[in-house]
Amino acid sequence: MHDSQAVLIIADDAAFPRDLVSRWQVERTVPGFTVMSTDLFPGAASGNFDLAVVGPVRPERLTPVLKILESGPHPVICVLESAHANQAQAVKTEYPRLLVIQQHDTWLDSVQLLAAECLKRVELAARLRRAERAGMAGSRNAKLGRYMLENQHDFSNLLTSVLGNSELLLTDSDVLPELARDQLQTIHATALRMHQVMQRFSSLAIEMQMAEKQSQDETPKLSHVPTSAN
């Protein structure tokens, strides 16, 4: 679980967040906590948190709080008092995305375990999004690389032409105006630098092809390595 994960606890009973945070402190990985009452929550509904836990709140505030949370992207755990069995069923029906737990003798353990699993899912989803973005960037780079490889020969021929003509003109640079001579020297130097870059690109392409071939050649050998008998 990532150290920067944050849990928002909403409760009008001060004992609820105190007990839950104390229970969590005994675990090896502890997220950051933000505790607030329902009076403060609407103004911070868009805050930066990965999981919300709703504890005992004033009856008239439960529905507005759950509506706001259910519309968000974060998982939500709603902890209801055990005496309100009908309320628990109503909340599950009205807000199917919410995870509803009724208080019992070991409710702290249940909430902590469920919350930890929710945070693991949040972290996994974040990693998948990062992998997708990296994959898209890699795909774009691969397309660019293929385009450069496909046009490498033509580009090198064009550079050779520019270099050859600029060098030919420079042999008679004495008859050229000073400004034209300077511009021609700049063209020659730039083309030479681009030629060097393309040479390095060709060398890298060859090195990568050789490394890929070596890896492919070694794979069958490794697959035929005998294993020692027990």
Protein backbone atom coordinates (compact mmCIF):
# COMPACT_ATOMS: atom_id res chain seq x y z
CA MET A 1 0.00 0.00 0.00
CA HIS A 2 1.33 3.43 -0.90
CA ASP A 3 2.43 5.69 1.97
CA SER A 4 0.66 8.74 0.51
CA GLN A 5 -2.82 7.19 0.59
CA ALA A 6 -5.38 9.19 2.55
CA VAL A 7 -8.55 8.19 4.38
CA LEU A 8 -11.35 10.65 5.08
CA ILE A 9 -13.39 9.86 8.21
CA ILE A 10 -16.72 11.62 8.58
CA ALA A 11 -18.49 11.36 11.92
CA ASP A 12 -20.37 13.48 14.42
CA ASP A 13 -19.29 11.17 17.24
CA ALA A 14 -15.70 11.95 18.29
CA ALA A 15 -15.19 8.44 19.67
CA PHE A 16 -15.65 6.80 16.25
CA PRO A 17 -12.60 8.27 14.46
CA ARG A 18 -10.51 8.04 17.63
CA ASP A 19 -11.21 4.31 17.98
CA LEU A 20 -10.77 3.59 14.27
CA VAL A 21 -7.46 5.44 13.98
CA SER A 22 -6.19 3.77 17.17
CA ARG A 23 -7.07 0.37 15.75
CA TRP A 24 -5.28 1.18 12.49
CA GLN A 25 -2.13 2.32 14.28
CA VAL A 26 -1.25 -1.26 15.18
CA GLU A 27 -0.93 -2.20 11.50
CA ARG A 28 2.35 -2.10 9.63
CA THR A 29 1.05 0.32 6.99
CA VAL A 30 -1.00 3.29 8.16
CA PRO A 31 -2.51 5.84 5.75
CA GLY A 32 -2.97 9.51 6.43
CA PHE A 33 -6.25 10.49 8.12
CA THR A 34 -8.52 13.50 7.80
CA VAL A 35 -11.35 13.67 10.32
CA MET A 36 -14.30 16.01 10.04
CA SER A 37 -17.89 16.38 11.13
CA THR A 38 -20.82 16.60 8.72
CA ASP A 39 -20.89 20.37 9.22
CA LEU A 40 -17.46 20.69 7.61
CA PHE A 41 -17.76 17.93 5.03
CA PRO A 42 -19.76 19.62 2.20
CA GLY A 43 -17.08 22.27 1.80
CA ALA A 44 -14.34 19.62 1.56
CA ALA A 45 -16.18 17.06 -0.55
CA SER A 46 -13.71 17.41 -3.42
CA GLY A 47 -10.66 16.99 -1.19
CA ASN A 48 -7.75 14.71 -1.95
CA PHE A 49 -8.55 11.33 -0.40
CA ASP A 50 -8.57 7.70 -1.56
CA LEU A 51 -11.24 6.27 0.73
CA ALA A 52 -14.08 7.70 2.80
CA VAL A 53 -15.42 6.12 5.99
CA VAL A 54 -18.74 7.40 7.32
CA GLY A 55 -19.44 6.74 10.99
CA PRO A 56 -22.27 7.84 13.28
CA VAL A 57 -23.73 11.12 12.04
CA ARG A 58 -26.83 13.13 12.81
CA PRO A 59 -29.84 11.39 11.16
CA GLU A 60 -30.75 14.39 9.03
CA ARG A 61 -27.19 14.62 7.67
CA LEU A 62 -26.71 10.99 6.59
CA THR A 63 -28.54 11.20 3.25
CA PRO A 64 -26.85 14.43 2.02
CA VAL A 65 -23.41 13.06 2.95
CA LEU A 66 -23.96 9.72 1.22
CA LYS A 67 -25.31 11.41 -1.92
CA ILE A 68 -22.18 13.51 -2.24
CA LEU A 69 -19.85 10.59 -1.61
CA GLU A 70 -21.62 8.16 -3.90
CA SER A 71 -21.27 10.55 -6.83
CA GLY A 72 -17.49 10.62 -6.41
CA PRO A 73 -14.85 8.20 -7.70
CA HIS A 74 -13.64 6.98 -4.31
CA PRO A 75 -14.77 3.85 -2.43
CA VAL A 76 -16.98 4.58 0.57
CA ILE A 77 -17.57 2.52 3.72
CA CYS A 78 -20.65 3.39 5.74
CA VAL A 79 -20.70 2.10 9.34
CA LEU A 80 -24.18 1.99 10.87
CA GLU A 81 -25.26 1.12 14.37
CA SER A 82 -26.33 -2.49 14.84
CA ALA A 83 -29.76 -1.47 16.11
CA HIS A 84 -30.62 0.06 12.72
CA ALA A 85 -30.97 -3.10 10.62
CA ASN A 86 -33.72 -1.61 8.45
CA GLN A 87 -31.61 1.49 7.82
CA ALA A 88 -28.69 -0.64 6.67
CA GLN A 89 -30.83 -2.39 4.07
CA ALA A 90 -32.28 0.91 2.91
CA VAL A 91 -28.81 2.41 2.48
CA LYS A 92 -27.62 -0.62 0.49
CA THR A 93 -30.63 -0.32 -1.81
CA GLU A 94 -30.38 3.45 -2.27
CA TYR A 95 -26.58 3.56 -2.66
CA PRO A 96 -25.38 0.28 -4.24
CA ARG A 97 -21.80 1.53 -4.64
CA LEU A 98 -21.39 1.98 -0.89
CA LEU A 99 -19.98 -0.72 1.38
CA VAL A 100 -22.24 -0.94 4.40
CA ILE A 101 -21.14 -2.45 7.73
CA GLN A 102 -23.18 -2.67 10.91
CA GLN A 103 -21.42 -2.26 14.23
CA HIS A 104 -20.83 -5.46 16.21
CA ASP A 105 -18.35 -6.74 18.77
CA THR A 106 -15.43 -6.76 16.31
CA TRP A 107 -16.57 -3.98 13.96
CA LEU A 108 -13.25 -2.13 14.25
CA ASP A 109 -11.38 -5.12 12.84
CA SER A 110 -13.93 -5.53 10.06
CA VAL A 111 -13.78 -1.89 9.03
CA GLN A 112 -9.98 -1.81 9.08
CA LEU A 113 -9.66 -4.97 7.00
CA LEU A 114 -12.25 -3.83 4.46
CA ALA A 115 -10.67 -0.39 4.26
CA ALA A 116 -7.22 -1.89 3.71
CA GLU A 117 -8.53 -3.97 0.82
CA CYS A 118 -10.20 -0.90 -0.68
CA LEU A 119 -6.92 1.02 -0.53
CA LYS A 120 -5.09 -1.87 -2.21
CA ARG A 121 -7.62 -1.73 -5.05
CA VAL A 122 -7.19 2.03 -5.32
CA GLU A 123 -3.41 1.65 -5.54
CA LEU A 124 -3.74 -1.14 -8.13
CA ALA A 125 -6.07 1.00 -10.24
CA ALA A 126 -3.58 3.89 -10.07
CA ARG A 127 -0.76 1.60 -11.18
CA LEU A 128 -2.84 0.35 -14.10
CA ARG A 129 -3.55 3.92 -15.20
CA ARG A 130 0.15 4.76 -15.02
CA ALA A 131 0.99 1.63 -17.00
CA GLU A 132 -1.60 2.52 -19.65
CA ARG A 133 -0.15 6.03 -20.00
CA ALA A 134 3.38 4.60 -20.22
CA GLY A 135 2.19 2.10 -22.81
CA MET A 136 0.63 4.84 -24.92
CA ALA A 137 3.83 6.90 -24.72
CA GLY A 138 5.87 3.83 -25.67
CA SER A 139 3.57 3.17 -28.63
CA ARG A 140 4.01 6.73 -29.87
CA ASN A 141 7.79 6.45 -29.53
CA ALA A 142 7.76 3.11 -31.36
CA LYS A 143 5.81 4.62 -34.27
CA LEU A 144 8.27 7.50 -34.47
CA GLY A 145 11.19 5.08 -34.38
CA ARG A 146 9.69 2.94 -37.16
CA TYR A 147 9.13 6.03 -39.28
CA MET A 148 12.75 7.11 -38.81
CA LEU A 149 14.02 3.63 -39.69
CA GLU A 150 11.85 3.45 -42.81
CA ASN A 151 13.06 6.85 -44.03
CA GLN A 152 16.62 6.62 -42.79
CA HIS A 153 18.08 5.80 -46.21
CA ASP A 154 16.30 8.66 -47.99
CA PHE A 155 17.19 11.11 -45.25
CA SER A 156 20.85 10.10 -45.35
CA ASN A 157 20.91 10.58 -49.14
CA LEU A 158 19.46 14.07 -48.76
CA LEU A 159 22.05 14.97 -46.13
CA THR A 160 24.83 13.62 -48.34
CA SER A 161 23.59 15.83 -51.15
CA VAL A 162 23.49 18.90 -48.92
CA LEU A 163 26.96 18.19 -47.54
CA GLY A 164 28.43 17.54 -50.97
CA ASN A 165 27.00 20.66 -52.55
CA SER A 166 27.91 22.88 -49.61
CA GLU A 167 31.48 21.54 -49.62
CA LEU A 168 31.68 22.13 -53.37
CA LEU A 169 30.51 25.71 -52.97
CA LEU A 170 32.90 26.31 -50.10
CA THR A 171 35.86 25.50 -52.36
CA ASP A 172 35.00 28.68 -54.26
CA SER A 173 33.92 30.67 -51.23
CA ASP A 174 36.43 33.40 -51.98
CA VAL A 175 34.21 34.71 -54.77
CA LEU A 176 31.13 34.79 -52.52
CA PRO A 177 30.02 37.78 -50.45
CA GLU A 178 30.93 37.49 -46.77
CA LEU A 179 27.28 37.08 -45.65
CA ALA A 180 26.64 34.31 -48.19
CA ARG A 181 29.89 32.60 -47.17
CA ASP A 182 28.87 32.66 -43.49
CA GLN A 183 25.43 31.27 -44.30
CA LEU A 184 26.95 28.51 -46.42
CA GLN A 185 29.33 27.55 -43.61
CA THR A 186 26.36 27.40 -41.22
CA ILE A 187 24.48 25.13 -43.65
CA HIS A 188 27.51 22.86 -43.97
CA ALA A 189 28.07 22.65 -40.19
CA THR A 190 24.38 21.94 -39.52
CA ALA A 191 24.22 19.24 -42.20
CA LEU A 192 27.37 17.67 -40.80
CA ARG A 193 25.91 17.58 -37.32
CA MET A 194 22.67 16.03 -38.63
CA HIS A 195 24.76 13.46 -40.50
CA GLN A 196 26.53 12.55 -37.25
CA VAL A 197 23.19 12.19 -35.47
CA MET A 198 21.93 9.85 -38.20
CA GLN A 199 25.12 7.80 -37.97
CA ARG A 200 24.57 7.42 -34.23
CA PHE A 201 20.94 6.49 -34.87
CA SER A 202 22.06 3.79 -37.32
CA SER A 203 24.57 2.46 -34.80
CA LEU A 204 21.90 2.28 -32.08
CA ALA A 205 19.51 0.45 -34.42
CA ILE A 206 22.22 -2.12 -35.22
CA GLU A 207 23.11 -2.54 -31.53
CA MET A 208 19.45 -3.08 -30.60
CA GLN A 209 18.99 -5.63 -33.39
CA MET A 210 22.08 -7.54 -32.26
CA ALA A 211 20.95 -7.48 -28.63
CA GLU A 212 17.48 -8.72 -29.62
CA LYS A 213 18.97 -11.51 -31.73
CA GLN A 214 21.31 -12.53 -28.90
CA SER A 215 18.38 -12.64 -26.47
CA GLN A 216 16.37 -14.78 -28.89
CA ASP A 217 19.34 -17.13 -29.39
CA GLU A 218 19.86 -17.55 -25.65
CA THR A 219 16.21 -18.30 -24.84
CA PRO A 220 16.16 -21.78 -26.44
CA LYS A 221 19.45 -22.62 -24.69
CA LEU A 222 18.03 -21.68 -21.29
CA SER A 223 14.90 -23.73 -21.92
CA HIS A 224 17.06 -26.84 -22.45
CA VAL A 225 19.18 -26.46 -19.31
CA PRO A 226 18.74 -29.70 -17.30
CA THR A 227 17.40 -29.32 -13.79
CA SER A 228 18.98 -31.19 -10.92
CA ALA A 229 17.03 -34.10 -9.57
CA ASN A 230 15.76 -33.93 -6.02
